Protein backbone atom coordinates (compact mmCIF):
# COMPACT_ATOMS: atom_id res chain seq x y z
CA UNK A 1 -5.44 -1.70 6.03
CA UNK A 2 -5.98 -5.18 4.58
CA UNK A 3 -8.77 -7.43 3.34
CA UNK A 4 -9.72 -11.05 3.88
CA UNK A 5 -12.37 -12.73 1.71
CA UNK A 6 -13.37 -9.34 0.37
CA UNK A 7 -13.94 -7.84 3.83
CA UNK A 8 -11.88 -4.74 4.49
CA UNK A 9 -9.96 -4.74 7.76
CA UNK A 10 -8.64 -1.49 9.23
CA UNK A 11 -5.88 -0.97 11.73
CA UNK A 12 -7.31 0.48 14.94
CA UNK A 13 -4.92 2.71 16.84
CA UNK A 14 -4.98 3.31 20.58
CA UNK A 15 -3.43 5.77 23.00
CA UNK A 16 0.23 4.88 23.59
CA UNK A 17 0.74 2.98 20.32
CA UNK A 18 4.16 3.38 18.71
CA UNK A 19 3.99 4.13 14.99
CA UNK A 20 6.04 5.18 11.98
CA UNK A 21 4.84 7.17 8.98
CA UNK A 22 5.83 5.38 5.78
CA UNK A 23 5.68 8.58 3.77
CA UNK A 24 7.80 10.58 6.22
CA UNK A 25 10.46 8.22 7.64
CA UNK A 26 12.59 11.20 8.71
CA UNK A 27 9.95 11.97 11.37
CA UNK A 28 11.20 8.98 13.36
CA UNK A 29 9.04 6.90 15.70
CA UNK A 30 5.86 8.47 17.05
CA UNK A 31 3.66 7.82 20.05
CA UNK A 32 -0.12 8.22 19.81
CA UNK A 33 -1.13 10.80 22.43
CA UNK A 34 -4.80 11.26 21.48
CA UNK A 35 -7.42 9.34 19.52
CA UNK A 36 -10.65 10.92 18.27
CA UNK A 37 -13.36 9.12 16.34
CA UNK A 38 -14.74 11.54 13.77
CA UNK A 39 -16.90 11.23 10.62
CA UNK A 40 -15.15 11.94 7.32
CA UNK A 41 -17.35 11.92 4.21
CA UNK A 42 -19.96 10.00 6.16
CA UNK A 43 -17.55 7.30 7.33
CA UNK A 44 -16.13 6.95 10.85
CA UNK A 45 -12.38 7.39 11.04
CA UNK A 46 -9.70 8.00 13.63
CA UNK A 47 -8.04 11.39 13.99
CA UNK A 48 -4.74 10.83 15.76
CA UNK A 49 -2.43 13.18 17.60
CA UNK A 50 1.06 11.69 17.40
CA UNK A 51 4.28 13.01 18.87
CA UNK A 52 7.17 12.07 16.58
CA UNK A 53 10.75 12.03 17.85
CA UNK A 54 12.08 14.18 14.99
CA UNK A 55 9.04 16.24 14.00
CA UNK A 56 7.04 17.02 17.12
CA UNK A 57 3.26 16.78 17.37
CA UNK A 58 1.26 15.94 14.24
CA UNK A 59 -2.49 15.45 13.77
CA UNK A 60 -3.25 12.81 11.13
CA UNK A 61 -6.22 11.02 9.61
CA UNK A 62 -5.61 7.30 10.17
CA UNK A 63 -7.38 6.38 6.92
CA UNK A 64 -5.10 8.61 4.85
CA UNK A 65 -1.71 8.62 6.59
CA UNK A 66 0.64 5.71 5.85
CA UNK A 67 1.02 4.62 9.47
CA UNK A 68 2.65 1.41 10.63
CA UNK A 69 2.38 0.11 14.17
CA UNK A 70 5.73 -0.67 15.82
CA UNK A 71 6.09 -3.02 18.75
CA UNK A 72 7.39 -1.13 21.82
CA UNK A 73 10.16 -3.65 22.43
CA UNK A 74 11.41 -3.04 18.87
CA UNK A 75 11.57 0.73 19.31
CA UNK A 76 14.97 2.25 19.89
CA UNK A 77 14.75 5.72 21.40
CA UNK A 78 15.47 8.12 18.58
CA UNK A 79 16.93 11.52 19.36
CA UNK A 80 16.86 14.14 16.61
CA UNK A 81 20.26 14.39 14.93
CA UNK A 82 21.31 18.03 15.20
CA UNK A 83 23.32 18.63 12.02
CA UNK A 84 23.93 22.29 12.78
CA UNK A 85 25.56 22.51 16.23
CA UNK A 86 28.92 21.13 15.07
CA UNK A 87 28.96 23.55 12.14
CA UNK A 88 28.28 26.50 14.45
CA UNK A 89 31.19 25.44 16.66
CA UNK A 90 33.50 25.41 13.63
CA UNK A 91 32.25 28.87 12.64
CA UNK A 92 33.47 30.30 15.96
CA UNK A 93 37.01 30.05 14.59
CA UNK A 94 37.48 32.83 12.02
CA UNK A 95 39.98 30.75 10.04
CA UNK A 96 37.43 27.95 9.69
CA UNK A 97 34.44 30.17 8.92
CA UNK A 98 34.55 29.45 5.13
CA UNK A 99 34.55 25.71 5.88
CA UNK A 100 31.55 26.15 8.18
CA UNK A 101 29.70 28.02 5.44
CA UNK A 102 30.32 25.20 2.95
CA UNK A 103 29.22 22.54 5.42
CA UNK A 104 26.06 24.47 6.24
CA UNK A 105 25.16 24.64 2.56
CA UNK A 106 25.80 20.89 2.24
CA UNK A 107 23.32 20.24 5.04
CA UNK A 108 20.66 22.63 3.77
CA UNK A 109 20.84 21.38 0.17
CA UNK A 110 21.16 17.66 0.90
CA UNK A 111 18.75 15.17 -0.66
CA UNK A 112 17.78 12.44 1.88
CA UNK A 113 19.56 9.10 1.72
CA UNK A 114 16.45 7.02 0.74
CA UNK A 115 16.28 9.08 -2.46
CA UNK A 116 19.92 8.36 -3.33
CA UNK A 117 20.69 4.90 -1.95
CA UNK A 118 22.07 2.83 -4.86
CA UNK A 119 21.25 -0.38 -3.00
CA UNK A 120 17.49 0.29 -3.33
CA UNK A 121 15.47 -0.01 -6.51
CA UNK A 122 15.10 2.88 -8.91
CA UNK A 123 11.35 2.77 -8.31
CA UNK A 124 11.91 3.14 -4.55
CA UNK A 125 14.24 6.11 -5.05
CA UNK A 126 11.71 7.80 -7.32
CA UNK A 127 8.91 7.23 -4.80
CA UNK A 128 11.02 8.69 -1.99
CA UNK A 129 11.94 11.71 -4.12
CA UNK A 130 8.32 12.31 -5.12
CA UNK A 131 7.54 12.27 -1.40
CA UNK A 132 9.78 15.31 -0.96
CA UNK A 133 7.24 17.39 -2.87
CA UNK A 134 5.03 17.43 0.23
CA UNK A 135 7.25 20.28 1.42
CA UNK A 136 6.29 23.75 0.25
CA UNK A 137 7.31 27.30 1.08
CA UNK A 138 4.30 27.99 3.30
CA UNK A 139 4.78 28.51 7.02
CA UNK A 140 4.08 24.94 8.16
CA UNK A 141 5.69 23.32 5.13
CA UNK A 142 8.81 25.43 5.46
CA UNK A 143 9.29 24.57 9.13
CA UNK A 144 8.59 20.85 8.56
CA UNK A 145 11.23 20.87 5.81
CA UNK A 146 13.74 22.65 8.07
CA UNK A 147 13.14 20.13 10.89
CA UNK A 148 13.81 17.23 8.51
CA UNK A 149 16.81 18.93 6.95
CA UNK A 150 18.60 20.16 10.07
CA UNK A 151 17.49 17.85 12.87
CA UNK A 152 16.55 20.90 14.94
CA UNK A 153 13.27 20.62 16.81
CA UNK A 154 12.81 24.38 16.44
CA UNK A 155 14.68 25.62 13.34
CA UNK A 156 13.48 29.18 13.96
CA UNK A 157 15.67 29.25 17.07
CA UNK A 158 18.69 29.15 14.74
CA UNK A 159 17.49 30.61 11.43
CA UNK A 160 15.17 33.49 10.67
CA UNK A 161 12.28 33.05 8.22
CA UNK A 162 14.13 34.78 5.37
CA UNK A 163 17.16 32.49 5.76
CA UNK A 164 14.98 29.40 5.67
CA UNK A 165 13.17 30.65 2.58
CA UNK A 166 16.48 31.23 0.78
CA UNK A 167 17.79 27.77 1.69
CA UNK A 168 14.48 26.16 0.72
CA UNK A 169 14.46 27.91 -2.65
CA UNK A 170 17.91 26.51 -3.45
CA UNK A 171 16.96 23.07 -2.14
CA UNK A 172 13.91 22.88 -4.41
CA UNK A 173 16.30 23.23 -7.36
CA UNK A 174 18.33 20.29 -6.03
CA UNK A 175 15.12 18.31 -5.52
CA UNK A 176 13.99 18.85 -9.10
CA UNK A 177 17.41 18.11 -10.57
CA UNK A 178 17.55 14.83 -8.61
CA UNK A 179 14.05 13.80 -9.67
CA UNK A 180 14.81 14.55 -13.31
CA UNK A 181 18.00 12.49 -13.12
CA UNK A 182 16.07 9.51 -11.73
CA UNK A 183 13.35 9.85 -14.36
CA UNK A 184 15.89 9.89 -17.18
CA UNK A 185 17.47 6.74 -15.74
CA UNK A 186 14.02 5.14 -15.49
CA UNK A 187 13.21 5.89 -19.12
CA UNK A 188 16.57 4.53 -20.23
CA UNK A 189 15.82 1.36 -18.25
CA UNK A 190 12.44 1.00 -19.97
CA UNK A 191 10.37 1.61 -16.83
CA UNK A 192 6.82 2.91 -17.00
CA UNK A 193 7.51 6.44 -15.75
CA UNK A 194 3.92 7.59 -16.31
CA UNK A 195 2.70 4.75 -14.12
CA UNK A 196 5.18 5.59 -11.39
CA UNK A 197 3.93 9.19 -11.36
CA UNK A 198 0.22 8.44 -11.77
CA UNK A 199 -0.77 9.87 -8.38
CA UNK A 200 2.00 12.44 -8.09
CA UNK A 201 1.21 16.12 -7.37
CA UNK A 202 1.24 18.70 -10.17
CA UNK A 203 4.80 20.00 -9.49
CA UNK A 204 6.13 16.47 -10.02
CA UNK A 205 4.35 16.17 -13.36
CA UNK A 206 5.82 19.52 -14.42
CA UNK A 207 9.33 18.39 -13.42
CA UNK A 208 8.81 15.15 -15.39
CA UNK A 209 7.90 17.10 -18.53
CA UNK A 210 11.04 19.21 -18.20
CA UNK A 211 13.10 16.03 -17.87
CA UNK A 212 12.22 14.77 -21.35
């Protein structure tokens, strides 16, 4: 969405458009499969059904979701990266089973690269880490987290609900520890941490207080 001479201009999406979600880059490239024009708070908006390569079908409000159109010729077909299959093959060998267990924990507890990349700004890493707080332990949130974490299109075909909840509980500890580390670095660098977290959800604010 942009403006020119004070007039707001909105991106209009159409069936077949290729898009990326700026807030969820791990979803990969999506294709718009349905467009509905619906009123939201008295204003017309587009409700989009989008099939993402790494996250399946999502229904999003175009005025809220951070969607970017991608030119078809610039799209490289993205297949989900299955981070679990190789580990399961290792686990078939009894002697290597402990190694497989360690590697599985590494995958399930990993913090995404955009949150850790030292070649990006501290502000960018904080923003990416704050974005991880969209995941919660509810049914949909838990599965969305597992898809992003494992690369499996259907994590429940490999893990049961209890296993995912245990991994997610441990991962949330890693998420908070990483956010607190970044916030301490930001304060030491003299950055306006409160400004960076102005629109952050309540759990982020709580983590920031514990980081002082």
